[in-house]
Amino acid sequence: TGKLCMVLGNQVTILMHNAGPGLCELKAGESRQRLFEVVIALSRGVFLFSGLVFCVVLLVNHWFVNWWVTAHQYGGLMLSVLFLLNLVIRHWTGMTANSVFYFGHQRRISLTNITDGIVTAATILIFVKVWGVAGALMGSIAGAVLVSLPLNLSVIARDAGVKIAQLTAAMLGGWLWRFALLAGVAGWIASRWSPKTLLEGAATTVAAAAVYCAVMFPSALRGPLGTYVRPVIESFRVRYIAFRSAAPSSSS
């Protein structure tokens, strides 16, 4: 049930690791305001990718498990939701952990990760007895929410010269309500319908991704993330215009 979620989620992890050298340079030579802006841009980029995985996988996961390993291996819609919710929260945790590490707080992040592991293991032991397999995911979520996120956010907020509430609001701003809306719609559809064939699965994936990108596009252009997204869009626009201009001469 969690296979597709974990495979696609790894792509977001690659994005976070690629940002590491830049974060080190910022910490060494940029202002706190600049540090704050880059962290917000990175977090929103991570949330955009993570939310896309959430919505797409929620719609096609039942079909995928049935197609990949037969339907009796599918743990149900609620287990899929927990896998994906844990994915989004752990992506957030990973982004903050990487930031803390690259900002030079290696000892702090090591202690935080150890504490997170202890709390996660303890809550899993308790929750599995009560809720079964779902309890393992709930324990992982508890470890992130109770330990890693508050501790990591406090370090980032201190380095950026802002309050934790301001940092959290800036990270989630513009994305959270759109994500909640899209995830709610995807969950409603998934509870009533699932693709039956490979063609339906592919079409659902493309349609869900297109709708998600259209709804999230304004959020991608906002604030610090927009300073990175707009030049990329402009470069594609220029290349497209150049390609169209060159097309008649090449055909002749």
C-alpha atoms as a PDB file:
ATOM      1  CA  THR A   1       0.000   0.000   0.000  1.00  0.00           C
ATOM      2  CA  GLY A   2       2.874   2.370   0.693  1.00  0.00           C
ATOM      3  CA  LYS A   3       5.151   1.395  -2.199  1.00  0.00           C
ATOM      4  CA  LEU A   4       4.089   4.034  -4.742  1.00  0.00           C
ATOM      5  CA  CYS A   5       4.038   6.694  -2.040  1.00  0.00           C
ATOM      6  CA  MET A   6       7.610   5.969  -0.952  1.00  0.00           C
ATOM      7  CA  VAL A   7       9.047   5.652  -4.473  1.00  0.00           C
ATOM      8  CA  LEU A   8       7.636   8.990  -5.628  1.00  0.00           C
ATOM      9  CA  GLY A   9       8.452  10.631  -2.309  1.00  0.00           C
ATOM     10  CA  ASN A  10      12.149   9.980  -2.824  1.00  0.00           C
ATOM     11  CA  GLN A  11      12.201  12.607  -5.581  1.00  0.00           C
ATOM     12  CA  VAL A  12      11.401  15.311  -3.034  1.00  0.00           C
ATOM     13  CA  THR A  13      14.257  14.099  -0.846  1.00  0.00           C
ATOM     14  CA  ILE A  14      16.648  14.553  -3.775  1.00  0.00           C
ATOM     15  CA  LEU A  15      15.477  18.161  -4.126  1.00  0.00           C
ATOM     16  CA  MET A  16      16.208  18.843  -0.450  1.00  0.00           C
ATOM     17  CA  HIS A  17      19.712  17.370  -0.616  1.00  0.00           C
ATOM     18  CA  ASN A  18      20.570  19.360  -3.739  1.00  0.00           C
ATOM     19  CA  ALA A  19      19.825  22.566  -1.841  1.00  0.00           C
ATOM     20  CA  GLY A  20      22.449  21.779   0.819  1.00  0.00           C
ATOM     21  CA  PRO A  21      25.501  23.600  -0.616  1.00  0.00           C
ATOM     22  CA  GLY A  22      23.443  26.732  -1.213  1.00  0.00           C
ATOM     23  CA  LEU A  23      22.192  26.728   2.374  1.00  0.00           C
ATOM     24  CA  CYS A  24      25.778  26.492   3.646  1.00  0.00           C
ATOM     25  CA  GLU A  25      26.796  29.515   1.575  1.00  0.00           C
ATOM     26  CA  LEU A  26      23.796  31.518   2.769  1.00  0.00           C
ATOM     27  CA  LYS A  27      24.536  30.818   6.400  1.00  0.00           C
ATOM     28  CA  ALA A  28      28.131  31.927   5.927  1.00  0.00           C
ATOM     29  CA  GLY A  29      27.632  35.186   4.075  1.00  0.00           C
ATOM     30  CA  GLU A  30      24.031  36.390   3.753  1.00  0.00           C
ATOM     31  CA  SER A  31      21.696  38.437   5.934  1.00  0.00           C
ATOM     32  CA  ARG A  32      19.036  36.921   8.151  1.00  0.00           C
ATOM     33  CA  GLN A  33      16.331  38.256   5.839  1.00  0.00           C
ATOM     34  CA  ARG A  34      17.875  36.503   2.868  1.00  0.00           C
ATOM     35  CA  LEU A  35      18.211  33.316   4.904  1.00  0.00           C
ATOM     36  CA  PHE A  36      14.533  33.516   5.812  1.00  0.00           C
ATOM     37  CA  GLU A  37      13.471  34.036   2.195  1.00  0.00           C
ATOM     38  CA  VAL A  38      15.454  31.066   0.892  1.00  0.00           C
ATOM     39  CA  VAL A  39      14.168  28.729   3.608  1.00  0.00           C
ATOM     40  CA  ILE A  40      10.600  29.762   2.803  1.00  0.00           C
ATOM     41  CA  ALA A  41      11.172  29.251  -0.928  1.00  0.00           C
ATOM     42  CA  LEU A  42      12.659  25.793  -0.315  1.00  0.00           C
ATOM     43  CA  SER A  43       9.860  24.758   2.036  1.00  0.00           C
ATOM     44  CA  ARG A  44       7.159  25.835  -0.408  1.00  0.00           C
ATOM     45  CA  GLY A  45       8.886  23.992  -3.222  1.00  0.00           C
ATOM     46  CA  VAL A  46       8.988  20.854  -1.090  1.00  0.00           C
ATOM     47  CA  PHE A  47       5.323  21.244  -0.140  1.00  0.00           C
ATOM     48  CA  LEU A  48       4.306  21.690  -3.780  1.00  0.00           C
ATOM     49  CA  PHE A  49       5.998  18.454  -4.830  1.00  0.00           C
ATOM     50  CA  SER A  50       4.862  16.599  -1.730  1.00  0.00           C
ATOM     51  CA  GLY A  51       1.255  17.680  -2.189  1.00  0.00           C
ATOM     52  CA  LEU A  52       1.339  16.562  -5.808  1.00  0.00           C
ATOM     53  CA  VAL A  53       2.444  13.087  -4.743  1.00  0.00           C
ATOM     54  CA  PHE A  54      -0.319  13.034  -2.107  1.00  0.00           C
ATOM     55  CA  CYS A  55      -3.161  13.879  -4.484  1.00  0.00           C
ATOM     56  CA  VAL A  56      -2.045  11.682  -7.389  1.00  0.00           C
ATOM     57  CA  VAL A  57      -1.228   8.601  -5.311  1.00  0.00           C
ATOM     58  CA  LEU A  58      -4.460   8.903  -3.325  1.00  0.00           C
ATOM     59  CA  LEU A  59      -6.438   8.605  -6.565  1.00  0.00           C
ATOM     60  CA  VAL A  60      -4.525   5.757  -8.199  1.00  0.00           C
ATOM     61  CA  ASN A  61      -3.096   3.750  -5.306  1.00  0.00           C
ATOM     62  CA  HIS A  62      -5.895   1.172  -5.156  1.00  0.00           C
ATOM     63  CA  TRP A  63      -5.532   0.458  -8.864  1.00  0.00           C
ATOM     64  CA  PHE A  64      -1.731   0.435  -8.638  1.00  0.00           C
ATOM     65  CA  VAL A  65      -1.593  -2.140  -5.836  1.00  0.00           C
ATOM     66  CA  ASN A  66      -4.111  -4.324  -7.649  1.00  0.00           C
ATOM     67  CA  TRP A  67      -2.109  -4.069 -10.873  1.00  0.00           C
ATOM     68  CA  TRP A  68       1.288  -4.558  -9.188  1.00  0.00           C
ATOM     69  CA  VAL A  69       0.722  -7.257  -6.566  1.00  0.00           C
ATOM     70  CA  THR A  70      -3.058  -8.032  -6.666  1.00  0.00           C
ATOM     71  CA  ALA A  71      -5.824  -6.394  -4.657  1.00  0.00           C
ATOM     72  CA  HIS A  72      -5.549  -8.452  -1.453  1.00  0.00           C
ATOM     73  CA  GLN A  73      -2.322  -6.545  -0.655  1.00  0.00           C
ATOM     74  CA  TYR A  74      -4.160  -3.196  -0.565  1.00  0.00           C
ATOM     75  CA  GLY A  75      -4.630  -1.965   2.994  1.00  0.00           C
ATOM     76  CA  GLY A  76      -7.523   0.383   2.275  1.00  0.00           C
ATOM     77  CA  LEU A  77      -8.085   4.085   1.682  1.00  0.00           C
ATOM     78  CA  MET A  78      -7.457   5.121   5.277  1.00  0.00           C
ATOM     79  CA  LEU A  79      -4.077   3.390   5.345  1.00  0.00           C
ATOM     80  CA  SER A  80      -3.197   5.135   2.073  1.00  0.00           C
ATOM     81  CA  VAL A  81      -4.123   8.487   3.622  1.00  0.00           C
ATOM     82  CA  LEU A  82      -1.914   7.779   6.629  1.00  0.00           C
ATOM     83  CA  PHE A  83       1.009   6.780   4.398  1.00  0.00           C
ATOM     84  CA  LEU A  84       0.643  10.001   2.434  1.00  0.00           C
ATOM     85  CA  LEU A  85       0.080  12.221   5.470  1.00  0.00           C
ATOM     86  CA  ASN A  86       3.195  10.763   7.051  1.00  0.00           C
ATOM     87  CA  LEU A  87       5.024  11.423   3.779  1.00  0.00           C
ATOM     88  CA  VAL A  88       4.078  15.125   3.730  1.00  0.00           C
ATOM     89  CA  ILE A  89       4.945  15.633   7.401  1.00  0.00           C
ATOM     90  CA  ARG A  90       8.238  13.765   7.085  1.00  0.00           C
ATOM     91  CA  HIS A  91       9.123  15.802   4.013  1.00  0.00           C
ATOM     92  CA  TRP A  92       8.596  18.915   6.098  1.00  0.00           C
ATOM     93  CA  THR A  93      10.670  17.376   8.865  1.00  0.00           C
ATOM     94  CA  GLY A  94      13.411  16.437   6.410  1.00  0.00           C
ATOM     95  CA  MET A  95      13.526  19.934   4.944  1.00  0.00           C
ATOM     96  CA  THR A  96      13.883  21.520   8.384  1.00  0.00           C
ATOM     97  CA  ALA A  97      16.430  18.900   9.454  1.00  0.00           C
ATOM     98  CA  ASN A  98      18.567  19.553   6.379  1.00  0.00           C
ATOM     99  CA  SER A  99      18.384  23.289   7.013  1.00  0.00           C
ATOM    100  CA  VAL A 100      19.465  22.873  10.627  1.00  0.00           C
ATOM    101  CA  PHE A 101      22.325  20.601   9.563  1.00  0.00           C
ATOM    102  CA  TYR A 102      23.597  22.882   6.805  1.00  0.00           C
ATOM    103  CA  PHE A 103      23.301  25.913   9.065  1.00  0.00           C
ATOM    104  CA  GLY A 104      26.013  24.339  11.207  1.00  0.00           C
ATOM    105  CA  HIS A 105      24.009  22.719  14.032  1.00  0.00           C
ATOM    106  CA  GLN A 106      25.208  19.155  13.488  1.00  0.00           C
ATOM    107  CA  ARG A 107      25.200  18.191  17.159  1.00  0.00           C
ATOM    108  CA  ARG A 108      21.720  19.635  17.643  1.00  0.00           C
ATOM    109  CA  ILE A 109      20.227  17.758  14.703  1.00  0.00           C
ATOM    110  CA  SER A 110      21.847  14.499  15.843  1.00  0.00           C
ATOM    111  CA  LEU A 111      20.262  14.781  19.287  1.00  0.00           C
ATOM    112  CA  THR A 112      16.935  15.751  17.743  1.00  0.00           C
ATOM    113  CA  ASN A 113      16.967  12.744  15.419  1.00  0.00           C
ATOM    114  CA  ILE A 114      17.811  10.382  18.269  1.00  0.00           C
ATOM    115  CA  THR A 115      14.968  11.777  20.386  1.00  0.00           C
ATOM    116  CA  ASP A 116      12.592  11.563  17.427  1.00  0.00           C
ATOM    117  CA  GLY A 117      13.559   7.922  16.954  1.00  0.00           C
ATOM    118  CA  ILE A 118      12.939   7.085  20.607  1.00  0.00           C
ATOM    119  CA  VAL A 119       9.547   8.816  20.679  1.00  0.00           C
ATOM    120  CA  THR A 120       8.557   7.273  17.343  1.00  0.00           C
ATOM    121  CA  ALA A 121       9.494   3.751  18.480  1.00  0.00           C
ATOM    122  CA  ALA A 122       7.658   4.162  21.794  1.00  0.00           C
ATOM    123  CA  THR A 123       4.479   5.523  20.215  1.00  0.00           C
ATOM    124  CA  ILE A 124       4.513   2.845  17.517  1.00  0.00           C
ATOM    125  CA  LEU A 125       4.642   0.117  20.182  1.00  0.00           C
ATOM    126  CA  ILE A 126       1.615   1.675  21.866  1.00  0.00           C
ATOM    127  CA  PHE A 127      -0.388   2.613  18.776  1.00  0.00           C
ATOM    128  CA  VAL A 128       0.099  -0.716  16.962  1.00  0.00           C
ATOM    129  CA  LYS A 129      -1.524  -2.520  19.874  1.00  0.00           C
ATOM    130  CA  VAL A 130      -4.543  -0.244  19.560  1.00  0.00           C
ATOM    131  CA  TRP A 131      -4.868   0.418  15.810  1.00  0.00           C
ATOM    132  CA  GLY A 132      -2.796  -2.314  14.182  1.00  0.00           C
ATOM    133  CA  VAL A 133      -0.736  -1.478  11.086  1.00  0.00           C
ATOM    134  CA  ALA A 134      -2.090   2.070  10.986  1.00  0.00           C
ATOM    135  CA  GLY A 135      -0.556   2.641  14.412  1.00  0.00           C
ATOM    136  CA  ALA A 136       2.956   2.387  12.931  1.00  0.00           C
ATOM    137  CA  LEU A 137       2.286   5.357  10.669  1.00  0.00           C
ATOM    138  CA  MET A 138       0.579   7.278  13.447  1.00  0.00           C
ATOM    139  CA  GLY A 139       3.646   6.717  15.622  1.00  0.00           C
ATOM    140  CA  SER A 140       5.918   8.102  12.913  1.00  0.00           C
ATOM    141  CA  ILE A 141       3.679  11.165  12.584  1.00  0.00           C
ATOM    142  CA  ALA A 142       3.721  11.624  16.360  1.00  0.00           C
ATOM    143  CA  GLY A 143       7.528  11.557  16.467  1.00  0.00           C
ATOM    144  CA  ALA A 144       7.751  14.250  13.811  1.00  0.00           C
ATOM    145  CA  VAL A 145       5.051  16.512  15.267  1.00  0.00           C
ATOM    146  CA  LEU A 146       6.112  16.190  18.902  1.00  0.00           C
ATOM    147  CA  VAL A 147       9.892  16.288  18.486  1.00  0.00           C
ATOM    148  CA  SER A 148      11.540  17.077  15.161  1.00  0.00           C
ATOM    149  CA  LEU A 149       9.315  19.826  13.808  1.00  0.00           C
ATOM    150  CA  PRO A 150       9.173  22.042  16.923  1.00  0.00           C
ATOM    151  CA  LEU A 151      12.883  21.623  17.677  1.00  0.00           C
ATOM    152  CA  ASN A 152      14.026  22.187  14.098  1.00  0.00           C
ATOM    153  CA  LEU A 153      11.711  25.124  13.512  1.00  0.00           C
ATOM    154  CA  SER A 154      12.958  26.799  16.684  1.00  0.00           C
ATOM    155  CA  VAL A 155      16.570  26.657  15.424  1.00  0.00           C
ATOM    156  CA  ILE A 156      15.672  27.952  11.961  1.00  0.00           C
ATOM    157  CA  ALA A 157      13.541  30.740  13.425  1.00  0.00           C
ATOM    158  CA  ARG A 158      16.406  31.817  15.684  1.00  0.00           C
ATOM    159  CA  ASP A 159      18.915  31.838  12.824  1.00  0.00           C
ATOM    160  CA  ALA A 160      16.503  33.748  10.578  1.00  0.00           C
ATOM    161  CA  GLY A 161      15.617  36.248  13.301  1.00  0.00           C
ATOM    162  CA  VAL A 162      11.853  35.538  13.300  1.00  0.00           C
ATOM    163  CA  LYS A 163       9.320  33.895  15.589  1.00  0.00           C
ATOM    164  CA  ILE A 164       8.342  30.242  15.128  1.00  0.00           C
ATOM    165  CA  ALA A 165       4.736  31.199  14.374  1.00  0.00           C
ATOM    166  CA  GLN A 166       5.859  33.631  11.683  1.00  0.00           C
ATOM    167  CA  LEU A 167       8.167  31.030  10.151  1.00  0.00           C
ATOM    168  CA  THR A 168       5.476  28.338  10.125  1.00  0.00           C
ATOM    169  CA  ALA A 169       2.857  30.657   8.654  1.00  0.00           C
ATOM    170  CA  ALA A 170       5.232  31.731   5.894  1.00  0.00           C
ATOM    171  CA  MET A 171       6.096  28.109   5.048  1.00  0.00           C
ATOM    172  CA  LEU A 172       2.467  27.022   4.802  1.00  0.00           C
ATOM    173  CA  GLY A 173       0.992  30.260   3.468  1.00  0.00           C
ATOM    174  CA  GLY A 174      -0.800  29.999   0.141  1.00  0.00           C
ATOM    175  CA  TRP A 175      -0.246  26.236  -0.060  1.00  0.00           C
ATOM    176  CA  LEU A 176      -2.116  24.750   2.891  1.00  0.00           C
ATOM    177  CA  TRP A 177      -5.690  25.756   2.032  1.00  0.00           C
ATOM    178  CA  ARG A 178      -5.232  24.806  -1.620  1.00  0.00           C
ATOM    179  CA  PHE A 179      -3.768  21.461  -0.598  1.00  0.00           C
ATOM    180  CA  ALA A 180      -6.599  20.794   1.869  1.00  0.00           C
ATOM    181  CA  LEU A 181      -9.141  21.513  -0.861  1.00  0.00           C
ATOM    182  CA  LEU A 182      -7.460  19.305  -3.465  1.00  0.00           C
ATOM    183  CA  ALA A 183      -6.742  16.483  -1.012  1.00  0.00           C
ATOM    184  CA  GLY A 184     -10.356  16.548   0.159  1.00  0.00           C
ATOM    185  CA  VAL A 185     -11.661  16.281  -3.396  1.00  0.00           C
ATOM    186  CA  ALA A 186      -9.150  13.528  -4.233  1.00  0.00           C
ATOM    187  CA  GLY A 187     -10.153  11.599  -1.116  1.00  0.00           C
ATOM    188  CA  TRP A 188     -13.847  11.923  -1.945  1.00  0.00           C
ATOM    189  CA  ILE A 189     -13.272  10.618  -5.473  1.00  0.00           C
ATOM    190  CA  ALA A 190     -11.006   7.792  -4.258  1.00  0.00           C
ATOM    191  CA  SER A 191     -13.654   6.635  -1.787  1.00  0.00           C
ATOM    192  CA  ARG A 192     -16.135   6.172  -4.643  1.00  0.00           C
ATOM    193  CA  TRP A 193     -14.076   5.322  -7.714  1.00  0.00           C
ATOM    194  CA  SER A 194     -10.735   3.893  -8.740  1.00  0.00           C
ATOM    195  CA  PRO A 195      -9.143   3.299 -12.162  1.00  0.00           C
ATOM    196  CA  LYS A 196      -9.645  -0.195 -13.537  1.00  0.00           C
ATOM    197  CA  THR A 197      -7.146  -0.339 -16.405  1.00  0.00           C
ATOM    198  CA  LEU A 198      -3.666   0.935 -17.193  1.00  0.00           C
ATOM    199  CA  LEU A 199      -5.129   3.523 -19.563  1.00  0.00           C
ATOM    200  CA  GLU A 200      -7.521   4.798 -16.892  1.00  0.00           C
ATOM    201  CA  GLY A 201      -4.681   4.902 -14.367  1.00  0.00           C
ATOM    202  CA  ALA A 202      -2.459   6.914 -16.709  1.00  0.00           C
ATOM    203  CA  ALA A 203      -5.300   9.289 -17.620  1.00  0.00           C
ATOM    204  CA  THR A 204      -6.171   9.804 -13.946  1.00  0.00           C
ATOM    205  CA  THR A 205      -2.544  10.560 -13.120  1.00  0.00           C
ATOM    206  CA  VAL A 206      -2.240  13.132 -15.894  1.00  0.00           C
ATOM    207  CA  ALA A 207      -5.583  14.755 -15.082  1.00  0.00           C
ATOM    208  CA  ALA A 208      -4.871  14.934 -11.342  1.00  0.00           C
ATOM    209  CA  ALA A 209      -1.415  16.395 -11.933  1.00  0.00           C
ATOM    210  CA  ALA A 210      -2.809  18.979 -14.351  1.00  0.00           C
ATOM    211  CA  VAL A 211      -5.531  20.108 -11.944  1.00  0.00           C
ATOM    212  CA  TYR A 212      -3.083  20.233  -9.048  1.00  0.00           C
ATOM    213  CA  CYS A 213      -0.570  22.328 -11.005  1.00  0.00           C
ATOM    214  CA  ALA A 214      -3.293  24.709 -12.187  1.00  0.00           C
ATOM    215  CA  VAL A 215      -4.588  25.280  -8.659  1.00  0.00           C
ATOM    216  CA  MET A 216      -1.110  25.574  -7.141  1.00  0.00           C
ATOM    217  CA  PHE A 217       0.347  27.786  -9.867  1.00  0.00           C
ATOM    218  CA  PRO A 218      -0.508  31.082  -8.079  1.00  0.00           C
ATOM    219  CA  SER A 219       1.161  29.774  -4.918  1.00  0.00           C
ATOM    220  CA  ALA A 220       4.305  28.904  -6.877  1.00  0.00           C
ATOM    221  CA  LEU A 221       4.525  32.478  -8.164  1.00  0.00           C
ATOM    222  CA  ARG A 222       4.075  34.074  -4.749  1.00  0.00           C
ATOM    223  CA  GLY A 223       6.768  35.426  -2.484  1.00  0.00           C
ATOM    224  CA  PRO A 224      10.290  34.034  -2.312  1.00  0.00           C
ATOM    225  CA  LEU A 225       9.561  30.924  -4.388  1.00  0.00           C
ATOM    226  CA  GLY A 226       8.336  33.091  -7.239  1.00  0.00           C
ATOM    227  CA  THR A 227      11.780  34.659  -7.617  1.00  0.00           C
ATOM    228  CA  TYR A 228      13.060  31.232  -8.661  1.00  0.00           C
ATOM    229  CA  VAL A 229      10.000  30.027 -10.585  1.00  0.00           C
ATOM    230  CA  ARG A 230       9.378  33.076 -12.779  1.00  0.00           C
ATOM    231  CA  PRO A 231      12.842  33.065 -14.445  1.00  0.00           C
ATOM    232  CA  VAL A 232      12.431  29.359 -15.232  1.00  0.00           C
ATOM    233  CA  ILE A 233       9.037  29.972 -16.822  1.00  0.00           C
ATOM    234  CA  GLU A 234      10.430  32.916 -18.768  1.00  0.00           C
ATOM    235  CA  SER A 235      13.330  30.824 -20.086  1.00  0.00           C
ATOM    236  CA  PHE A 236      10.901  28.187 -21.361  1.00  0.00           C
ATOM    237  CA  ARG A 237       8.779  30.908 -22.956  1.00  0.00           C
ATOM    238  CA  VAL A 238      11.801  32.378 -24.740  1.00  0.00           C
ATOM    239  CA  ARG A 239      12.875  28.948 -25.971  1.00  0.00           C
ATOM    240  CA  TYR A 240       9.375  28.202 -27.212  1.00  0.00           C
ATOM    241  CA  ILE A 241       9.230  31.513 -29.119  1.00  0.00           C
ATOM    242  CA  ALA A 242      12.660  30.828 -30.612  1.00  0.00           C
ATOM    243  CA  PHE A 243      11.570  27.334 -31.623  1.00  0.00           C
ATOM    244  CA  ARG A 244       8.407  28.641 -33.279  1.00  0.00           C
ATOM    245  CA  SER A 245      10.356  31.320 -35.100  1.00  0.00           C
ATOM    246  CA  ALA A 246      12.884  28.806 -36.385  1.00  0.00           C
ATOM    247  CA  ALA A 247      10.292  26.216 -37.450  1.00  0.00           C
ATOM    248  CA  PRO A 248       9.328  27.711 -40.883  1.00  0.00           C
ATOM    249  CA  SER A 249      12.938  28.180 -42.006  1.00  0.00           C
ATOM    250  CA  SER A 250      13.916  24.659 -40.972  1.00  0.00           C
ATOM    251  CA  SER A 251      10.959  23.112 -42.839  1.00  0.00           C
ATOM    252  CA  SER A 252      11.783  25.081 -45.968  1.00  0.00           C
END
